[in-house]
Amino acid sequence: MSQKTCFWSLLSITNLSFVYASPSLSPQFQNHDQLIGHSLLDLIHPEEVTLARRDLYRFIDSNTLAGSVTRCRIQEPFKNSTEQQYCWPVVDIVMYVVTDKLALAFFHRDS
């Protein structure tokens, strides 16, 4: 049985940049604050970023109270690596628009 790895963040809806990243993100990244100001789109696999961008902004523009789920691969640095290498785990991004400027995003992946 696989174990879920989850964290949440607040994203700016104008460019999907991280405004806040949950401290529970620390096992994946050495410092969760390193994401602040960076766009979620910069972490999505290059082969999937166009489709993910369209899906995420279509949801934001829909002005619905319901959430949205987008499945894509997200860049994750290897721990203790001396080279710039990445793995690309599949992540479900569950998003809710919470204000006219912010979206609440939950990131779920199987470990």
PDB file of N, CA and C in Angstrom:
ATOM      1  N   MET A   1       0.844  -1.169   0.000  1.00  0.00           N
ATOM      2  CA  MET A   1       0.000   0.000   0.000  1.00  0.00           C
ATOM      3  C   MET A   1       0.893   1.238   0.000  1.00  0.00           C
ATOM      4  N   SER A   2       0.572   2.200  -0.848  1.00  0.00           N
ATOM      5  CA  SER A   2       1.406   3.388  -0.946  1.00  0.00           C
ATOM      6  C   SER A   2       1.011   4.407   0.118  1.00  0.00           C
ATOM      7  N   GLN A   3       1.983   5.221   0.490  1.00  0.00           N
ATOM      8  CA  GLN A   3       1.773   6.264   1.481  1.00  0.00           C
ATOM      9  C   GLN A   3       1.622   7.589   0.746  1.00  0.00           C
ATOM     10  N   LYS A   4       0.677   8.414   1.182  1.00  0.00           N
ATOM     11  CA  LYS A   4       0.468   9.723   0.570  1.00  0.00           C
ATOM     12  C   LYS A   4       1.406  10.752   1.178  1.00  0.00           C
ATOM     13  N   THR A   5       1.975  11.598   0.341  1.00  0.00           N
ATOM     14  CA  THR A   5       2.749  12.747   0.780  1.00  0.00           C
ATOM     15  C   THR A   5       1.955  13.969   0.346  1.00  0.00           C
ATOM     16  N   CYS A   6       1.570  14.800   1.306  1.00  0.00           N
ATOM     17  CA  CYS A   6       0.720  15.942   0.993  1.00  0.00           C
ATOM     18  C   CYS A   6       1.252  17.207   1.661  1.00  0.00           C
ATOM     19  N   PHE A   7       1.001  18.332   1.028  1.00  0.00           N
ATOM     20  CA  PHE A   7       1.261  19.630   1.632  1.00  0.00           C
ATOM     21  C   PHE A   7       0.317  20.634   1.002  1.00  0.00           C
ATOM     22  N   TRP A   8       0.237  21.800   1.596  1.00  0.00           N
ATOM     23  CA  TRP A   8      -0.646  22.836   1.059  1.00  0.00           C
ATOM     24  C   TRP A   8       0.121  24.139   0.930  1.00  0.00           C
ATOM     25  N   SER A   9      -0.445  25.039   0.128  1.00  0.00           N
ATOM     26  CA  SER A   9       0.166  26.355  -0.048  1.00  0.00           C
ATOM     27  C   SER A   9      -0.890  27.358  -0.482  1.00  0.00           C
ATOM     28  N   LEU A  10      -0.548  28.626  -0.378  1.00  0.00           N
ATOM     29  CA  LEU A  10      -1.360  29.698  -0.936  1.00  0.00           C
ATOM     30  C   LEU A  10      -0.639  30.222  -2.164  1.00  0.00           C
ATOM     31  N   LEU A  11      -1.387  30.387  -3.253  1.00  0.00           N
ATOM     32  CA  LEU A  11      -0.827  30.847  -4.520  1.00  0.00           C
ATOM     33  C   LEU A  11      -1.499  32.140  -4.954  1.00  0.00           C
ATOM     34  N   SER A  12      -0.736  33.030  -5.541  1.00  0.00           N
ATOM     35  CA  SER A  12      -1.299  34.223  -6.165  1.00  0.00           C
ATOM     36  C   SER A  12      -2.029  33.778  -7.433  1.00  0.00           C
ATOM     37  N   ILE A  13      -3.244  34.244  -7.643  1.00  0.00           N
ATOM     38  CA  ILE A  13      -3.959  33.797  -8.844  1.00  0.00           C
ATOM     39  C   ILE A  13      -3.497  34.534 -10.105  1.00  0.00           C
ATOM     40  N   THR A  14      -2.734  35.609  -9.956  1.00  0.00           N
ATOM     41  CA  THR A  14      -2.276  36.324 -11.152  1.00  0.00           C
ATOM     42  C   THR A  14      -1.180  35.562 -11.890  1.00  0.00           C
ATOM     43  N   ASN A  15      -0.255  34.928 -11.151  1.00  0.00           N
ATOM     44  CA  ASN A  15       0.828  34.202 -11.823  1.00  0.00           C
ATOM     45  C   ASN A  15       1.133  32.847 -11.174  1.00  0.00           C
ATOM     46  N   LEU A  16       0.246  32.416 -10.272  1.00  0.00           N
ATOM     47  CA  LEU A  16       0.384  31.137  -9.558  1.00  0.00           C
ATOM     48  C   LEU A  16       1.693  31.044  -8.776  1.00  0.00           C
ATOM     49  N   SER A  17       2.180  32.199  -8.298  1.00  0.00           N
ATOM     50  CA  SER A  17       3.391  32.178  -7.474  1.00  0.00           C
ATOM     51  C   SER A  17       3.027  31.823  -6.035  1.00  0.00           C
ATOM     52  N   PHE A  18       3.972  31.191  -5.361  1.00  0.00           N
ATOM     53  CA  PHE A  18       3.770  30.778  -3.978  1.00  0.00           C
ATOM     54  C   PHE A  18       3.823  32.008  -3.074  1.00  0.00           C
ATOM     55  N   VAL A  19       2.758  32.219  -2.318  1.00  0.00           N
ATOM     56  CA  VAL A  19       2.687  33.289  -1.328  1.00  0.00           C
ATOM     57  C   VAL A  19       3.021  32.716   0.042  1.00  0.00           C
ATOM     58  N   TYR A  20       2.621  31.473   0.258  1.00  0.00           N
ATOM     59  CA  TYR A  20       2.902  30.756   1.499  1.00  0.00           C
ATOM     60  C   TYR A  20       3.046  29.280   1.154  1.00  0.00           C
ATOM     61  N   ALA A  21       4.011  28.638   1.780  1.00  0.00           N
ATOM     62  CA  ALA A  21       4.194  27.192   1.616  1.00  0.00           C
ATOM     63  C   ALA A  21       4.210  26.553   2.993  1.00  0.00           C
ATOM     64  N   SER A  22       3.423  25.520   3.165  1.00  0.00           N
ATOM     65  CA  SER A  22       3.311  24.834   4.446  1.00  0.00           C
ATOM     66  C   SER A  22       4.651  24.277   4.903  1.00  0.00           C
ATOM     67  N   PRO A  23       4.951  24.383   6.199  1.00  0.00           N
ATOM     68  CA  PRO A  23       6.188  23.789   6.724  1.00  0.00           C
ATOM     69  C   PRO A  23       6.250  22.271   6.509  1.00  0.00           C
ATOM     70  N   SER A  24       5.117  21.619   6.281  1.00  0.00           N
ATOM     71  CA  SER A  24       5.119  20.170   6.032  1.00  0.00           C
ATOM     72  C   SER A  24       5.791  19.831   4.710  1.00  0.00           C
ATOM     73  N   LEU A  25       6.105  20.833   3.927  1.00  0.00           N
ATOM     74  CA  LEU A  25       6.808  20.644   2.663  1.00  0.00           C
ATOM     75  C   LEU A  25       8.278  20.324   2.882  1.00  0.00           C
ATOM     76  N   SER A  26       8.805  20.628   4.046  1.00  0.00           N
ATOM     77  CA  SER A  26      10.235  20.486   4.330  1.00  0.00           C
ATOM     78  C   SER A  26      10.848  19.137   3.978  1.00  0.00           C
ATOM     79  N   PRO A  27      10.144  17.987   4.140  1.00  0.00           N
ATOM     80  CA  PRO A  27      10.776  16.731   3.725  1.00  0.00           C
ATOM     81  C   PRO A  27      11.108  16.687   2.229  1.00  0.00           C
ATOM     82  N   GLN A  28      10.338  17.396   1.379  1.00  0.00           N
ATOM     83  CA  GLN A  28      10.597  17.395  -0.056  1.00  0.00           C
ATOM     84  C   GLN A  28      11.641  18.444  -0.434  1.00  0.00           C
ATOM     85  N   PHE A  29      11.629  19.586   0.247  1.00  0.00           N
ATOM     86  CA  PHE A  29      12.557  20.673  -0.028  1.00  0.00           C
ATOM     87  C   PHE A  29      13.263  21.009   1.282  1.00  0.00           C
ATOM     88  N   GLN A  30      14.551  21.321   1.211  1.00  0.00           N
ATOM     89  CA  GLN A  30      15.280  21.598   2.441  1.00  0.00           C
ATOM     90  C   GLN A  30      14.701  22.808   3.173  1.00  0.00           C
ATOM     91  N   ASN A  31      14.172  23.781   2.473  1.00  0.00           N
ATOM     92  CA  ASN A  31      13.594  24.965   3.095  1.00  0.00           C
ATOM     93  C   ASN A  31      12.330  25.328   2.330  1.00  0.00           C
ATOM     94  N   HIS A  32      11.177  25.177   2.983  1.00  0.00           N
ATOM     95  CA  HIS A  32       9.919  25.447   2.284  1.00  0.00           C
ATOM     96  C   HIS A  32       9.797  26.898   1.842  1.00  0.00           C
ATOM     97  N   ASP A  33      10.493  27.816   2.511  1.00  0.00           N
ATOM     98  CA  ASP A  33      10.443  29.232   2.129  1.00  0.00           C
ATOM     99  C   ASP A  33      11.111  29.499   0.780  1.00  0.00           C
ATOM    100  N   GLN A  34      11.901  28.545   0.281  1.00  0.00           N
ATOM    101  CA  GLN A  34      12.577  28.766  -1.001  1.00  0.00           C
ATOM    102  C   GLN A  34      11.586  28.867  -2.155  1.00  0.00           C
ATOM    103  N   LEU A  35      10.350  28.432  -1.960  1.00  0.00           N
ATOM    104  CA  LEU A  35       9.343  28.511  -3.022  1.00  0.00           C
ATOM    105  C   LEU A  35       8.646  29.867  -3.083  1.00  0.00           C
ATOM    106  N   ILE A  36       8.677  30.638  -2.010  1.00  0.00           N
ATOM    107  CA  ILE A  36       7.957  31.911  -1.963  1.00  0.00           C
ATOM    108  C   ILE A  36       8.425  32.809  -3.113  1.00  0.00           C
ATOM    109  N   GLY A  37       7.436  33.312  -3.868  1.00  0.00           N
ATOM    110  CA  GLY A  37       7.726  34.187  -5.005  1.00  0.00           C
ATOM    111  C   GLY A  37       7.940  33.459  -6.320  1.00  0.00           C
ATOM    112  N   HIS A  38       8.121  32.132  -6.271  1.00  0.00           N
ATOM    113  CA  HIS A  38       8.305  31.352  -7.492  1.00  0.00           C
ATOM    114  C   HIS A  38       6.962  30.825  -7.978  1.00  0.00           C
ATOM    115  N   SER A  39       6.802  30.710  -9.268  1.00  0.00           N
ATOM    116  CA  SER A  39       5.551  30.239  -9.845  1.00  0.00           C
ATOM    117  C   SER A  39       5.464  28.715  -9.828  1.00  0.00           C
ATOM    118  N   LEU A  40       4.299  28.216  -9.506  1.00  0.00           N
ATOM    119  CA  LEU A  40       4.026  26.785  -9.599  1.00  0.00           C
ATOM    120  C   LEU A  40       4.330  26.283 -11.011  1.00  0.00           C
ATOM    121  N   LEU A  41       4.067  27.106 -12.003  1.00  0.00           N
ATOM    122  CA  LEU A  41       4.278  26.700 -13.395  1.00  0.00           C
ATOM    123  C   LEU A  41       5.738  26.378 -13.687  1.00  0.00           C
ATOM    124  N   ASP A  42       6.662  26.988 -12.936  1.00  0.00           N
ATOM    125  CA  ASP A  42       8.089  26.704 -13.120  1.00  0.00           C
ATOM    126  C   ASP A  42       8.471  25.314 -12.620  1.00  0.00           C
ATOM    127  N   LEU A  43       7.621  24.706 -11.799  1.00  0.00           N
ATOM    128  CA  LEU A  43       7.901  23.376 -11.247  1.00  0.00           C
ATOM    129  C   LEU A  43       7.270  22.247 -12.047  1.00  0.00           C
ATOM    130  N   ILE A  44       6.342  22.580 -12.925  1.00  0.00           N
ATOM    131  CA  ILE A  44       5.628  21.555 -13.700  1.00  0.00           C
ATOM    132  C   ILE A  44       6.496  21.092 -14.864  1.00  0.00           C
ATOM    133  N   HIS A  45       6.448  19.798 -15.136  1.00  0.00           N
ATOM    134  CA  HIS A  45       7.255  19.196 -16.209  1.00  0.00           C
ATOM    135  C   HIS A  45       7.034  19.957 -17.522  1.00  0.00           C
ATOM    136  N   PRO A  46       8.110  20.237 -18.263  1.00  0.00           N
ATOM    137  CA  PRO A  46       7.994  21.008 -19.511  1.00  0.00           C
ATOM    138  C   PRO A  46       6.993  20.428 -20.519  1.00  0.00           C
ATOM    139  N   GLU A  47       6.841  19.115 -20.546  1.00  0.00           N
ATOM    140  CA  GLU A  47       5.894  18.497 -21.483  1.00  0.00           C
ATOM    141  C   GLU A  47       4.440  18.695 -21.054  1.00  0.00           C
ATOM    142  N   GLU A  48       4.217  19.109 -19.815  1.00  0.00           N
ATOM    143  CA  GLU A  48       2.854  19.213 -19.288  1.00  0.00           C
ATOM    144  C   GLU A  48       2.452  20.632 -18.895  1.00  0.00           C
ATOM    145  N   VAL A  49       3.396  21.561 -18.912  1.00  0.00           N
ATOM    146  CA  VAL A  49       3.121  22.895 -18.392  1.00  0.00           C
ATOM    147  C   VAL A  49       2.043  23.638 -19.187  1.00  0.00           C
ATOM    148  N   THR A  50       2.004  23.494 -20.485  1.00  0.00           N
ATOM    149  CA  THR A  50       0.994  24.199 -21.288  1.00  0.00           C
ATOM    150  C   THR A  50      -0.406  23.723 -20.942  1.00  0.00           C
ATOM    151  N   LEU A  51      -0.593  22.425 -20.875  1.00  0.00           N
ATOM    152  CA  LEU A  51      -1.904  21.868 -20.530  1.00  0.00           C
ATOM    153  C   LEU A  51      -2.284  22.210 -19.090  1.00  0.00           C
ATOM    154  N   ALA A  52      -1.333  22.111 -18.168  1.00  0.00           N
ATOM    155  CA  ALA A  52      -1.614  22.425 -16.764  1.00  0.00           C
ATOM    156  C   ALA A  52      -1.973  23.904 -16.609  1.00  0.00           C
ATOM    157  N   ARG A  53      -1.227  24.788 -17.275  1.00  0.00           N
ATOM    158  CA  ARG A  53      -1.518  26.231 -17.209  1.00  0.00           C
ATOM    159  C   ARG A  53      -2.940  26.498 -17.687  1.00  0.00           C
ATOM    160  N   ARG A  54      -3.307  25.915 -18.813  1.00  0.00           N
ATOM    161  CA  ARG A  54      -4.653  26.112 -19.356  1.00  0.00           C
ATOM    162  C   ARG A  54      -5.712  25.605 -18.373  1.00  0.00           C
ATOM    163  N   ASP A  55      -5.479  24.423 -17.806  1.00  0.00           N
ATOM    164  CA  ASP A  55      -6.431  23.824 -16.873  1.00  0.00           C
ATOM    165  C   ASP A  55      -6.576  24.676 -15.606  1.00  0.00           C
ATOM    166  N   LEU A  56      -5.465  25.095 -15.023  1.00  0.00           N
ATOM    167  CA  LEU A  56      -5.501  25.868 -13.782  1.00  0.00           C
ATOM    168  C   LEU A  56      -6.154  27.236 -13.983  1.00  0.00           C
ATOM    169  N   TYR A  57      -5.800  27.942 -15.061  1.00  0.00           N
ATOM    170  CA  TYR A  57      -6.397  29.255 -15.289  1.00  0.00           C
ATOM    171  C   TYR A  57      -7.857  29.161 -15.733  1.00  0.00           C
ATOM    172  N   ARG A  58      -8.211  28.106 -16.431  1.00  0.00           N
ATOM    173  CA  ARG A  58      -9.621  27.904 -16.787  1.00  0.00           C
ATOM    174  C   ARG A  58     -10.447  27.765 -15.515  1.00  0.00           C
ATOM    175  N   PHE A  59      -9.910  27.026 -14.545  1.00  0.00           N
ATOM    176  CA  PHE A  59     -10.615  26.888 -13.268  1.00  0.00           C
ATOM    177  C   PHE A  59     -10.704  28.235 -12.546  1.00  0.00           C
ATOM    178  N   ILE A  60      -9.603  28.968 -12.451  1.00  0.00           N
ATOM    179  CA  ILE A  60      -9.607  30.263 -11.763  1.00  0.00           C
ATOM    180  C   ILE A  60     -10.618  31.206 -12.402  1.00  0.00           C
ATOM    181  N   ASP A  61     -10.681  31.216 -13.726  1.00  0.00           N
ATOM    182  CA  ASP A  61     -11.600  32.101 -14.438  1.00  0.00           C
ATOM    183  C   ASP A  61     -13.061  31.675 -14.334  1.00  0.00           C
ATOM    184  N   SER A  62     -13.319  30.439 -13.900  1.00  0.00           N
ATOM    185  CA  SER A  62     -14.695  29.941 -13.836  1.00  0.00           C
ATOM    186  C   SER A  62     -15.489  30.535 -12.675  1.00  0.00           C
ATOM    187  N   ASN A  63     -14.794  31.120 -11.688  1.00  0.00           N
ATOM    188  CA  ASN A  63     -15.466  31.737 -10.537  1.00  0.00           C
ATOM    189  C   ASN A  63     -16.448  30.802  -9.845  1.00  0.00           C
ATOM    190  N   THR A  64     -16.053  29.565  -9.654  1.00  0.00           N
ATOM    191  CA  THR A  64     -16.905  28.596  -8.986  1.00  0.00           C
ATOM    192  C   THR A  64     -16.412  28.348  -7.568  1.00  0.00           C
ATOM    193  N   LEU A  65     -17.306  27.927  -6.698  1.00  0.00           N
ATOM    194  CA  LEU A  65     -16.923  27.592  -5.330  1.00  0.00           C
ATOM    195  C   LEU A  65     -16.341  26.188  -5.236  1.00  0.00           C
ATOM    196  N   ALA A  66     -16.607  25.391  -6.236  1.00  0.00           N
ATOM    197  CA  ALA A  66     -16.097  24.017  -6.241  1.00  0.00           C
ATOM    198  C   ALA A  66     -14.583  24.035  -6.467  1.00  0.00           C
ATOM    199  N   GLY A  67     -13.944  22.946  -6.120  1.00  0.00           N
ATOM    200  CA  GLY A  67     -12.507  22.824  -6.333  1.00  0.00           C
ATOM    201  C   GLY A  67     -12.189  22.241  -7.692  1.00  0.00           C
ATOM    202  N   SER A  68     -10.913  22.193  -7.982  1.00  0.00           N
ATOM    203  CA  SER A  68     -10.420  21.654  -9.244  1.00  0.00           C
ATOM    204  C   SER A  68      -9.263  20.713  -8.945  1.00  0.00           C
ATOM    205  N   VAL A  69      -9.152  19.648  -9.724  1.00  0.00           N
ATOM    206  CA  VAL A  69      -8.023  18.727  -9.584  1.00  0.00           C
ATOM    207  C   VAL A  69      -7.260  18.690 -10.897  1.00  0.00           C
ATOM    208  N   THR A  70      -5.959  18.943 -10.817  1.00  0.00           N
ATOM    209  CA  THR A  70      -5.087  18.866 -11.977  1.00  0.00           C
ATOM    210  C   THR A  70      -3.979  17.873 -11.648  1.00  0.00           C
ATOM    211  N   ARG A  71      -3.804  16.874 -12.489  1.00  0.00           N
ATOM    212  CA  ARG A  71      -2.746  15.876 -12.286  1.00  0.00           C
ATOM    213  C   ARG A  71      -1.612  16.174 -13.252  1.00  0.00           C
ATOM    214  N   CYS A  72      -0.399  16.291 -12.702  1.00  0.00           N
ATOM    215  CA  CYS A  72       0.769  16.557 -13.536  1.00  0.00           C
ATOM    216  C   CYS A  72       2.032  16.123 -12.788  1.00  0.00           C
ATOM    217  N   ARG A  73       3.142  16.169 -13.500  1.00  0.00           N
ATOM    218  CA  ARG A  73       4.430  15.872 -12.873  1.00  0.00           C
ATOM    219  C   ARG A  73       5.055  17.184 -12.411  1.00  0.00           C
ATOM    220  N   ILE A  74       5.595  17.155 -11.172  1.00  0.00           N
ATOM    221  CA  ILE A  74       6.216  18.341 -10.592  1.00  0.00           C
ATOM    222  C   ILE A  74       7.659  18.038 -10.227  1.00  0.00           C
ATOM    223  N   GLN A  75       8.496  18.983 -10.532  1.00  0.00           N
ATOM    224  CA  GLN A  75       9.932  18.865 -10.263  1.00  0.00           C
ATOM    225  C   GLN A  75      10.190  18.742  -8.766  1.00  0.00           C
ATOM    226  N   GLU A  76      11.002  17.777  -8.412  1.00  0.00           N
ATOM    227  CA  GLU A  76      11.410  17.609  -7.019  1.00  0.00           C
ATOM    228  C   GLU A  76      12.899  17.327  -6.982  1.00  0.00           C
ATOM    229  N   PRO A  77      13.667  18.176  -6.317  1.00  0.00           N
ATOM    230  CA  PRO A  77      15.113  17.937  -6.262  1.00  0.00           C
ATOM    231  C   PRO A  77      15.435  16.670  -5.475  1.00  0.00           C
ATOM    232  N   PHE A  78      16.443  15.943  -5.926  1.00  0.00           N
ATOM    233  CA  PHE A  78      16.946  14.822  -5.142  1.00  0.00           C
ATOM    234  C   PHE A  78      17.638  15.380  -3.912  1.00  0.00           C
ATOM    235  N   LYS A  79      17.423  14.760  -2.791  1.00  0.00           N
ATOM    236  CA  LYS A  79      18.104  15.182  -1.566  1.00  0.00           C
ATOM    237  C   LYS A  79      19.573  14.782  -1.631  1.00  0.00           C
ATOM    238  N   ASN A  80      20.426  15.619  -1.042  1.00  0.00           N
ATOM    239  CA  ASN A  80      21.862  15.351  -0.924  1.00  0.00           C
ATOM    240  C   ASN A  80      22.532  15.097  -2.276  1.00  0.00           C
ATOM    241  N   SER A  81      22.051  15.734  -3.295  1.00  0.00           N
ATOM    242  CA  SER A  81      22.638  15.547  -4.616  1.00  0.00           C
ATOM    243  C   SER A  81      23.630  16.671  -4.891  1.00  0.00           C
ATOM    244  N   THR A  82      24.777  16.315  -5.422  1.00  0.00           N
ATOM    245  CA  THR A  82      25.761  17.329  -5.769  1.00  0.00           C
ATOM    246  C   THR A  82      25.495  17.903  -7.158  1.00  0.00           C
ATOM    247  N   GLU A  83      24.739  17.178  -7.969  1.00  0.00           N
ATOM    248  CA  GLU A  83      24.403  17.658  -9.309  1.00  0.00           C
ATOM    249  C   GLU A  83      22.969  18.174  -9.323  1.00  0.00           C
ATOM    250  N   GLN A  84      22.647  18.968 -10.315  1.00  0.00           N
ATOM    251  CA  GLN A  84      21.301  19.502 -10.482  1.00  0.00           C
ATOM    252  C   GLN A  84      20.441  18.434 -11.166  1.00  0.00           C
ATOM    253  N   GLN A  85      19.958  17.477 -10.399  1.00  0.00           N
ATOM    254  CA  GLN A  85      19.129  16.400 -10.935  1.00  0.00           C
ATOM    255  C   GLN A  85      17.747  16.487 -10.307  1.00  0.00           C
ATOM    256  N   TYR A  86      16.734  16.067 -11.051  1.00  0.00           N
ATOM    257  CA  TYR A  86      15.368  16.145 -10.554  1.00  0.00           C
ATOM    258  C   TYR A  86      14.641  14.847 -10.844  1.00  0.00           C
ATOM    259  N   CYS A  87      13.717  14.527  -9.959  1.00  0.00           N
ATOM    260  CA  CYS A  87      12.763  13.476 -10.277  1.00  0.00           C
ATOM    261  C   CYS A  87      11.433  14.205 -10.520  1.00  0.00           C
ATOM    262  N   TRP A  88      10.506  13.551 -11.161  1.00  0.00           N
ATOM    263  CA  TRP A  88       9.248  14.182 -11.564  1.00  0.00           C
ATOM    264  C   TRP A  88       8.065  13.342 -11.079  1.00  0.00           C
ATOM    265  N   PRO A  89       7.750  13.354  -9.779  1.00  0.00           N
ATOM    266  CA  PRO A  89       6.615  12.568  -9.296  1.00  0.00           C
ATOM    267  C   PRO A  89       5.287  13.129  -9.812  1.00  0.00           C
ATOM    268  N   VAL A  90       4.322  12.246  -9.982  1.00  0.00           N
ATOM    269  CA  VAL A  90       2.976  12.659 -10.378  1.00  0.00           C
ATOM    270  C   VAL A  90       2.262  13.190  -9.142  1.00  0.00           C
ATOM    271  N   VAL A  91       1.677  14.373  -9.283  1.00  0.00           N
ATOM    272  CA  VAL A  91       1.026  15.054  -8.173  1.00  0.00           C
ATOM    273  C   VAL A  91      -0.380  15.470  -8.590  1.00  0.00           C
ATOM    274  N   ASP A  92      -1.334  15.300  -7.682  1.00  0.00           N
ATOM    275  CA  ASP A  92      -2.668  15.863  -7.868  1.00  0.00           C
ATOM    276  C   ASP A  92      -2.695  17.208  -7.165  1.00  0.00           C
ATOM    277  N   ILE A  93      -2.972  18.262  -7.917  1.00  0.00           N
ATOM    278  CA  ILE A  93      -3.093  19.605  -7.344  1.00  0.00           C
ATOM    279  C   ILE A  93      -4.580  19.895  -7.204  1.00  0.00           C
ATOM    280  N   VAL A  94      -5.032  20.013  -5.972  1.00  0.00           N
ATOM    281  CA  VAL A  94      -6.436  20.330  -5.693  1.00  0.00           C
ATOM    282  C   VAL A  94      -6.473  21.799  -5.311  1.00  0.00           C
ATOM    283  N   MET A  95      -7.218  22.589  -6.080  1.00  0.00           N
ATOM    284  CA  MET A  95      -7.178  24.031  -5.918  1.00  0.00           C
ATOM    285  C   MET A  95      -8.563  24.599  -5.650  1.00  0.00           C
ATOM    286  N   TYR A  96      -8.600  25.602  -4.761  1.00  0.00           N
ATOM    287  CA  TYR A  96      -9.806  26.361  -4.453  1.00  0.00           C
ATOM    288  C   TYR A  96      -9.441  27.838  -4.481  1.00  0.00           C
ATOM    289  N   VAL A  97     -10.249  28.653  -5.134  1.00  0.00           N
ATOM    290  CA  VAL A  97     -10.046  30.096  -5.104  1.00  0.00           C
ATOM    291  C   VAL A  97     -10.660  30.596  -3.802  1.00  0.00           C
ATOM    292  N   VAL A  98      -9.853  31.260  -2.965  1.00  0.00           N
ATOM    293  CA  VAL A  98     -10.341  31.672  -1.647  1.00  0.00           C
ATOM    294  C   VAL A  98     -10.577  33.174  -1.534  1.00  0.00           C
ATOM    295  N   THR A  99      -9.893  33.982  -2.338  1.00  0.00           N
ATOM    296  CA  THR A  99     -10.152  35.419  -2.406  1.00  0.00           C
ATOM    297  C   THR A  99      -9.960  35.833  -3.861  1.00  0.00           C
ATOM    298  N   ASP A 100     -10.137  37.122  -4.127  1.00  0.00           N
ATOM    299  CA  ASP A 100      -9.929  37.589  -5.503  1.00  0.00           C
ATOM    300  C   ASP A 100      -8.451  37.620  -5.878  1.00  0.00           C
ATOM    301  N   LYS A 101      -7.557  37.308  -4.905  1.00  0.00           N
ATOM    302  CA  LYS A 101      -6.122  37.319  -5.178  1.00  0.00           C
ATOM    303  C   LYS A 101      -5.407  36.014  -4.853  1.00  0.00           C
ATOM    304  N   LEU A 102      -6.073  35.115  -4.108  1.00  0.00           N
ATOM    305  CA  LEU A 102      -5.390  33.913  -3.628  1.00  0.00           C
ATOM    306  C   LEU A 102      -6.146  32.627  -3.933  1.00  0.00           C
ATOM    307  N   ALA A 103      -5.360  31.591  -4.169  1.00  0.00           N
ATOM    308  CA  ALA A 103      -5.898  30.241  -4.309  1.00  0.00           C
ATOM    309  C   ALA A 103      -5.234  29.357  -3.260  1.00  0.00           C
ATOM    310  N   LEU A 104      -6.026  28.462  -2.675  1.00  0.00           N
ATOM    311  CA  LEU A 104      -5.521  27.469  -1.741  1.00  0.00           C
ATOM    312  C   LEU A 104      -5.265  26.202  -2.547  1.00  0.00           C
ATOM    313  N   ALA A 105      -4.051  25.688  -2.490  1.00  0.00           N
ATOM    314  CA  ALA A 105      -3.692  24.510  -3.285  1.00  0.00           C
ATOM    315  C   ALA A 105      -3.170  23.403  -2.372  1.00  0.00           C
ATOM    316  N   PHE A 106      -3.693  22.212  -2.570  1.00  0.00           N
ATOM    317  CA  PHE A 106      -3.218  21.016  -1.876  1.00  0.00           C
ATOM    318  C   PHE A 106      -2.503  20.148  -2.892  1.00  0.00           C
ATOM    319  N   PHE A 107      -1.358  19.640  -2.536  1.00  0.00           N
ATOM    320  CA  PHE A 107      -0.549  18.808  -3.419  1.00  0.00           C
ATOM    321  C   PHE A 107      -0.506  17.409  -2.822  1.00  0.00           C
ATOM    322  N   HIS A 108      -0.998  16.429  -3.562  1.00  0.00           N
ATOM    323  CA  HIS A 108      -1.046  15.043  -3.093  1.00  0.00           C
ATOM    324  C   HIS A 108      -0.272  14.166  -4.059  1.00  0.00           C
ATOM    325  N   ARG A 109       0.590  13.314  -3.499  1.00  0.00           N
ATOM    326  CA  ARG A 109       1.273  12.334  -4.339  1.00  0.00           C
ATOM    327  C   ARG A 109       1.463  11.056  -3.562  1.00  0.00           C
ATOM    328  N   ASP A 110       1.535   9.958  -4.299  1.00  0.00           N
ATOM    329  CA  ASP A 110       1.821   8.672  -3.694  1.00  0.00           C
ATOM    330  C   ASP A 110       3.331   8.560  -3.503  1.00  0.00           C
ATOM    331  N   SER A 111       3.734   8.037  -2.365  1.00  0.00           N
ATOM    332  CA  SER A 111       5.165   7.855  -2.101  1.00  0.00           C
ATOM    333  C   SER A 111       5.604   6.477  -2.543  1.00  0.00           C
TER     334      SER A 111
END
